[in-house]
Protein backbone atom coordinates (compact mmCIF):
# COMPACT_ATOMS: atom_id res chain seq x y z
CA MET A 1 27.48 31.37 24.24
CA LYS A 2 27.25 33.98 21.62
CA LYS A 3 26.65 33.45 18.20
CA LYS A 4 29.16 34.39 16.31
CA LYS A 5 28.44 36.62 13.15
CA THR A 6 28.81 35.93 9.70
CA LYS A 7 30.43 38.08 6.97
CA LYS A 8 26.91 38.23 5.90
CA SER A 9 25.41 39.49 9.09
CA GLN A 10 28.21 41.93 9.42
CA ILE A 11 27.49 42.90 5.80
CA ASP A 12 23.44 43.58 6.31
CA LEU A 13 24.10 45.31 10.03
CA GLN A 14 26.01 47.77 7.81
CA LYS A 15 23.97 48.31 5.34
CA VAL A 16 20.98 48.60 8.18
CA ARG A 17 23.28 51.41 9.68
CA LEU A 18 23.68 52.91 6.56
CA ASN A 19 20.31 53.05 5.63
CA ALA A 20 19.58 54.53 8.97
CA GLN A 21 22.03 57.66 7.96
CA LEU A 22 21.04 57.86 4.68
CA GLU A 23 17.34 58.25 6.18
CA LYS A 24 18.25 61.11 8.84
CA SER A 25 20.12 62.91 6.45
CA VAL A 26 16.85 63.14 3.70
CA ASP A 27 14.88 64.48 6.66
CA THR A 28 17.31 66.69 7.78
CA ILE A 29 17.65 68.06 3.45
CA LEU A 30 13.75 68.07 3.48
CA ASN A 31 13.75 69.54 6.71
CA LEU A 32 15.53 72.53 4.55
CA LEU A 33 13.70 72.49 1.40
CA GLU A 34 10.31 72.58 2.85
CA PRO A 35 10.85 76.18 4.55
CA PHE A 36 12.39 77.46 1.69
CA CYS A 37 10.08 76.54 -0.55
CA ALA A 38 7.36 78.32 1.54
CA LYS A 39 8.95 81.55 1.42
CA TYR A 40 10.61 81.61 -1.35
CA LEU A 41 8.78 79.59 -4.07
CA ASN A 42 5.40 77.57 -3.88
CA GLU A 43 3.85 74.29 -3.36
CA GLU A 44 4.57 73.15 -6.79
CA TYR A 45 8.15 73.40 -5.87
CA TRP A 46 7.73 72.01 -3.17
CA ALA A 47 6.28 68.61 -4.42
CA LEU A 48 9.21 68.32 -6.67
CA CYS A 49 11.99 69.35 -4.40
CA HIS A 50 10.26 66.19 -2.02
CA ASP A 51 10.10 64.23 -4.87
CA MET A 52 13.66 64.77 -6.32
CA THR A 53 15.28 64.19 -2.78
CA ILE A 54 13.44 60.59 -2.11
CA GLU A 55 14.41 59.75 -5.85
CA ILE A 56 18.35 60.66 -5.01
CA TYR A 57 17.68 58.04 -2.02
CA ASP A 58 16.65 55.57 -4.07
CA SER A 59 19.30 56.08 -6.75
CA GLY A 60 21.88 55.21 -3.81
CA ALA A 61 23.39 58.55 -4.26
CA PRO A 62 25.50 59.47 -0.80
CA LEU A 63 23.41 61.97 0.69
CA ASP A 64 24.99 61.49 3.96
CA GLN A 65 28.42 63.20 2.40
CA GLY A 66 28.63 66.77 2.51
CA LYS A 67 26.61 69.40 4.20
CA PRO A 68 22.97 69.06 4.15
CA GLU A 69 22.89 72.78 2.80
CA SER A 70 24.66 71.77 -0.41
CA TRP A 71 22.49 68.88 -1.59
CA ALA A 72 19.01 71.24 -0.96
CA SER A 73 20.63 73.91 -2.85
CA GLY A 74 21.42 71.83 -5.79
CA ILE A 75 18.27 70.33 -5.92
CA VAL A 76 16.54 73.78 -6.16
CA HIS A 77 18.65 74.70 -8.88
CA ALA A 78 18.37 71.49 -10.68
CA ILE A 79 14.38 72.09 -10.28
CA GLY A 80 15.15 75.44 -11.03
CA MET A 81 16.99 74.92 -14.38
CA VAL A 82 14.07 72.95 -15.95
CA ASN A 83 11.33 75.31 -14.76
CA PHE A 84 13.54 78.75 -15.76
CA LEU A 85 13.51 79.97 -11.94
CA ASP A 86 15.76 82.15 -12.77
CA ASP A 87 13.74 84.07 -15.80
CA PRO A 88 12.61 86.95 -14.31
CA SER A 89 9.78 86.60 -16.56
CA PHE A 90 8.41 83.64 -14.73
CA SER A 91 7.07 82.99 -11.59
CA PRO A 92 8.35 82.67 -8.99
CA TYR A 93 11.57 83.93 -9.97
CA MET A 94 15.28 83.78 -8.03
CA LYS A 95 18.92 84.24 -9.26
CA SER A 96 21.03 81.07 -8.81
CA SER A 97 23.28 83.52 -6.26
CA GLN A 98 20.28 83.79 -4.39
CA ILE A 99 19.38 80.63 -3.44
CA ALA A 100 23.24 79.85 -2.81
CA ASP A 101 23.06 82.82 0.02
CA VAL A 102 20.42 81.42 1.52
CA PHE A 103 21.30 78.27 1.93
CA GLY A 104 24.29 79.22 3.07
CA VAL A 105 26.70 77.91 0.52
CA SER A 106 29.14 79.30 -2.16
CA GLN A 107 28.00 79.19 -5.75
CA ASN A 108 30.62 76.73 -6.73
CA THR A 109 29.12 74.07 -4.48
CA MET A 110 25.39 74.47 -5.19
CA LEU A 111 26.53 74.27 -8.96
CA SER A 112 28.31 71.46 -7.96
CA LYS A 113 25.38 69.27 -6.38
CA SER A 114 23.04 70.41 -9.18
CA LYS A 115 25.12 68.86 -11.52
CA GLN A 116 25.85 65.88 -10.20
CA ILE A 117 22.12 65.25 -9.18
CA ARG A 118 20.94 66.10 -12.82
CA ASP A 119 23.97 63.74 -13.99
CA GLU A 120 22.69 60.84 -11.58
CA LEU A 121 19.03 61.48 -12.78
CA ASP A 122 19.66 62.38 -16.63
CA ILE A 123 17.71 65.88 -16.18
CA PHE A 124 18.03 68.05 -18.68
CA PRO A 125 16.18 71.40 -19.70
CA MET A 126 12.23 71.38 -19.76
CA ASP A 127 12.20 67.40 -18.92
CA PRO A 128 8.89 66.86 -18.61
CA GLU A 129 9.31 64.19 -15.89
CA TRP A 130 10.37 67.22 -13.21
CA CYS A 131 7.87 69.99 -15.05
CA LEU A 132 5.86 72.24 -12.88
CA ASP A 133 2.27 70.83 -13.39
CA SER A 134 1.45 75.06 -13.96
CA LEU A 135 3.82 74.47 -17.39
CA LEU A 136 3.07 71.48 -18.12
CA ALA A 137 0.63 72.48 -21.43
CA ASP A 138 3.15 74.85 -22.73
CA ASN A 139 6.20 72.54 -22.41
CA PRO A 140 5.94 71.10 -25.91
CA LEU A 141 8.69 68.05 -24.88
CA VAL A 142 5.30 66.71 -23.15
CA TRP A 143 3.33 66.23 -26.16
CA MET A 144 5.93 65.28 -28.84
CA PHE A 145 5.75 61.44 -29.52
CA GLU A 146 7.36 59.43 -32.48
CA VAL A 147 5.06 57.64 -34.84
CA ASP A 148 6.33 55.73 -37.60
CA GLY A 149 9.92 57.51 -37.43
CA MET A 150 7.99 61.27 -37.14
CA ILE A 151 7.82 63.14 -34.40
CA VAL A 152 3.92 63.97 -33.66
CA ASP A 153 2.50 66.83 -31.35
CA ILE A 154 -0.45 64.83 -29.62
CA ARG A 155 -2.26 67.89 -29.14
CA ASP A 156 -2.88 68.25 -32.88
CA ALA A 157 -4.47 64.36 -32.45
CA PRO A 158 -7.59 63.57 -32.84
CA ARG A 159 -9.68 63.60 -29.46
CA GLU A 160 -9.81 59.86 -29.08
CA VAL A 161 -5.58 59.26 -29.67
CA GLN A 162 -5.34 62.34 -26.98
CA GLU A 163 -8.04 59.98 -24.32
CA GLN A 164 -6.06 57.28 -25.10
CA ALA A 165 -2.55 58.40 -24.37
CA CYS A 166 -3.99 60.07 -21.41
CA LYS A 167 -5.53 56.61 -20.26
CA ASP A 168 -2.23 54.99 -20.67
CA GLY A 169 -0.11 57.65 -19.15
CA LEU A 170 1.95 59.14 -21.42
CA ILE A 171 0.37 62.51 -21.08
CA PRO A 172 -0.89 64.22 -17.94
CA PHE A 173 -4.02 65.53 -19.47
CA ILE A 174 -6.30 65.82 -22.39
CA PRO A 175 -5.30 68.43 -24.42
CA ALA A 176 -8.39 69.12 -26.02
CA ASP A 177 -10.15 69.78 -22.97
CA PHE A 178 -7.40 72.38 -21.95
CA ARG A 179 -7.81 74.34 -25.17
CA GLN A 180 -11.33 74.66 -24.47
CA GLU A 181 -10.89 76.03 -21.37
CA GLU A 182 -8.49 78.62 -22.30
CA LYS A 183 -9.59 82.09 -24.05
CA PRO A 184 -10.06 82.87 -27.08
CA ARG A 185 -6.62 83.88 -28.51
CA HIS A 186 -7.26 88.00 -30.16
CA LYS A 187 -6.75 87.32 -33.89
CA LYS A 188 -5.36 89.66 -36.19
CA GLU A 189 -7.48 91.98 -38.35
CA ASN A 190 -6.71 92.79 -42.24
CA LYS A 191 -9.23 95.74 -42.11
CA ILE A 192 -7.52 98.59 -43.38
CA LYS A 193 -7.87 101.45 -40.17
CA ILE A 194 -8.80 104.38 -41.23
CA ILE A 195 -7.06 107.23 -39.02
CA GLU A 196 -9.54 109.96 -38.27
CA PHE A 197 -8.66 113.54 -38.08
CA PRO A 198 -10.19 115.85 -35.19
CA SER A 199 -13.90 116.38 -35.51
CA GLY A 200 -14.98 120.33 -36.77
CA LYS A 201 -16.13 120.48 -32.73
CA ASN A 202 -12.54 120.48 -32.09
CA LYS A 203 -12.20 124.23 -31.21
CA ASN A 204 -8.25 124.12 -31.25
CA LYS A 205 -8.54 122.55 -35.13
CA PRO A 206 -6.11 124.32 -37.41
CA GLU A 207 -7.57 125.99 -40.41
CA PRO A 208 -7.36 124.57 -43.89
CA VAL A 209 -3.59 125.65 -45.60
CA SER A 210 -5.10 126.59 -49.30
CA GLU A 211 -2.89 125.38 -52.02
CA GLN A 212 -0.23 128.15 -53.45
CA LYS A 213 1.16 127.51 -56.93
CA ASP A 214 4.73 127.45 -56.83
CA THR A 215 5.90 130.42 -58.93
CA ASN A 216 9.60 129.67 -58.63
CA PRO A 217 11.31 128.25 -61.84
CA THR A 218 11.97 124.60 -61.66
CA LEU A 219 14.55 122.21 -63.31
CA PHE A 220 12.04 121.57 -66.23
CA ASP A 221 11.94 125.16 -66.74
CA LYS A 222 15.78 126.03 -66.92
CA SER A 223 16.07 123.24 -69.05
CA LYS A 224 14.40 125.08 -72.12
CA ASP A 225 16.83 127.99 -71.51
């Protein structure tokens, strides 16, 4: 005699099926993102795209609803917004329209998914949690902390404070070490530069022009009349 399924067992079975379906969607999305990042972006972007996909799955977002390409494009766009992907002064650089084109979705669909993801995960511009490792050092939000009601840049704090913050996982590395590795910046010189004219060895040097007295009457000469 078959044991009759209770309401609870039916719910558990639905969860298992749902999880299996969601996991399949995750794999599909990751299989779209990996070659995309390899061709158009880099390893740093791929690592963040992978982590964001898992984070979306853990948040309970319906990854099984909608095309995988829509989710993939939204993930790239969301991470790109944090890291200035559409700014040509940064590398890698890619326009939003190009992301949508590669994934074969409309730009509106991509932007809608990107907003859904950013709202779900509370992502904002320059978000330290989704910042590329190569941009962390120049991201001020990584280093700003509130101390006694005041915002403090920990990069200006003593080394022992930086070491403790790094040990506690508050900052990714010790800024003092990073600054030591940096090349010294070019400082402005306050010295006055003397502009030298071509030396006498220059054959094309123009002959000096002798001063000639101006014999024309001036305004003061006229005023004497």
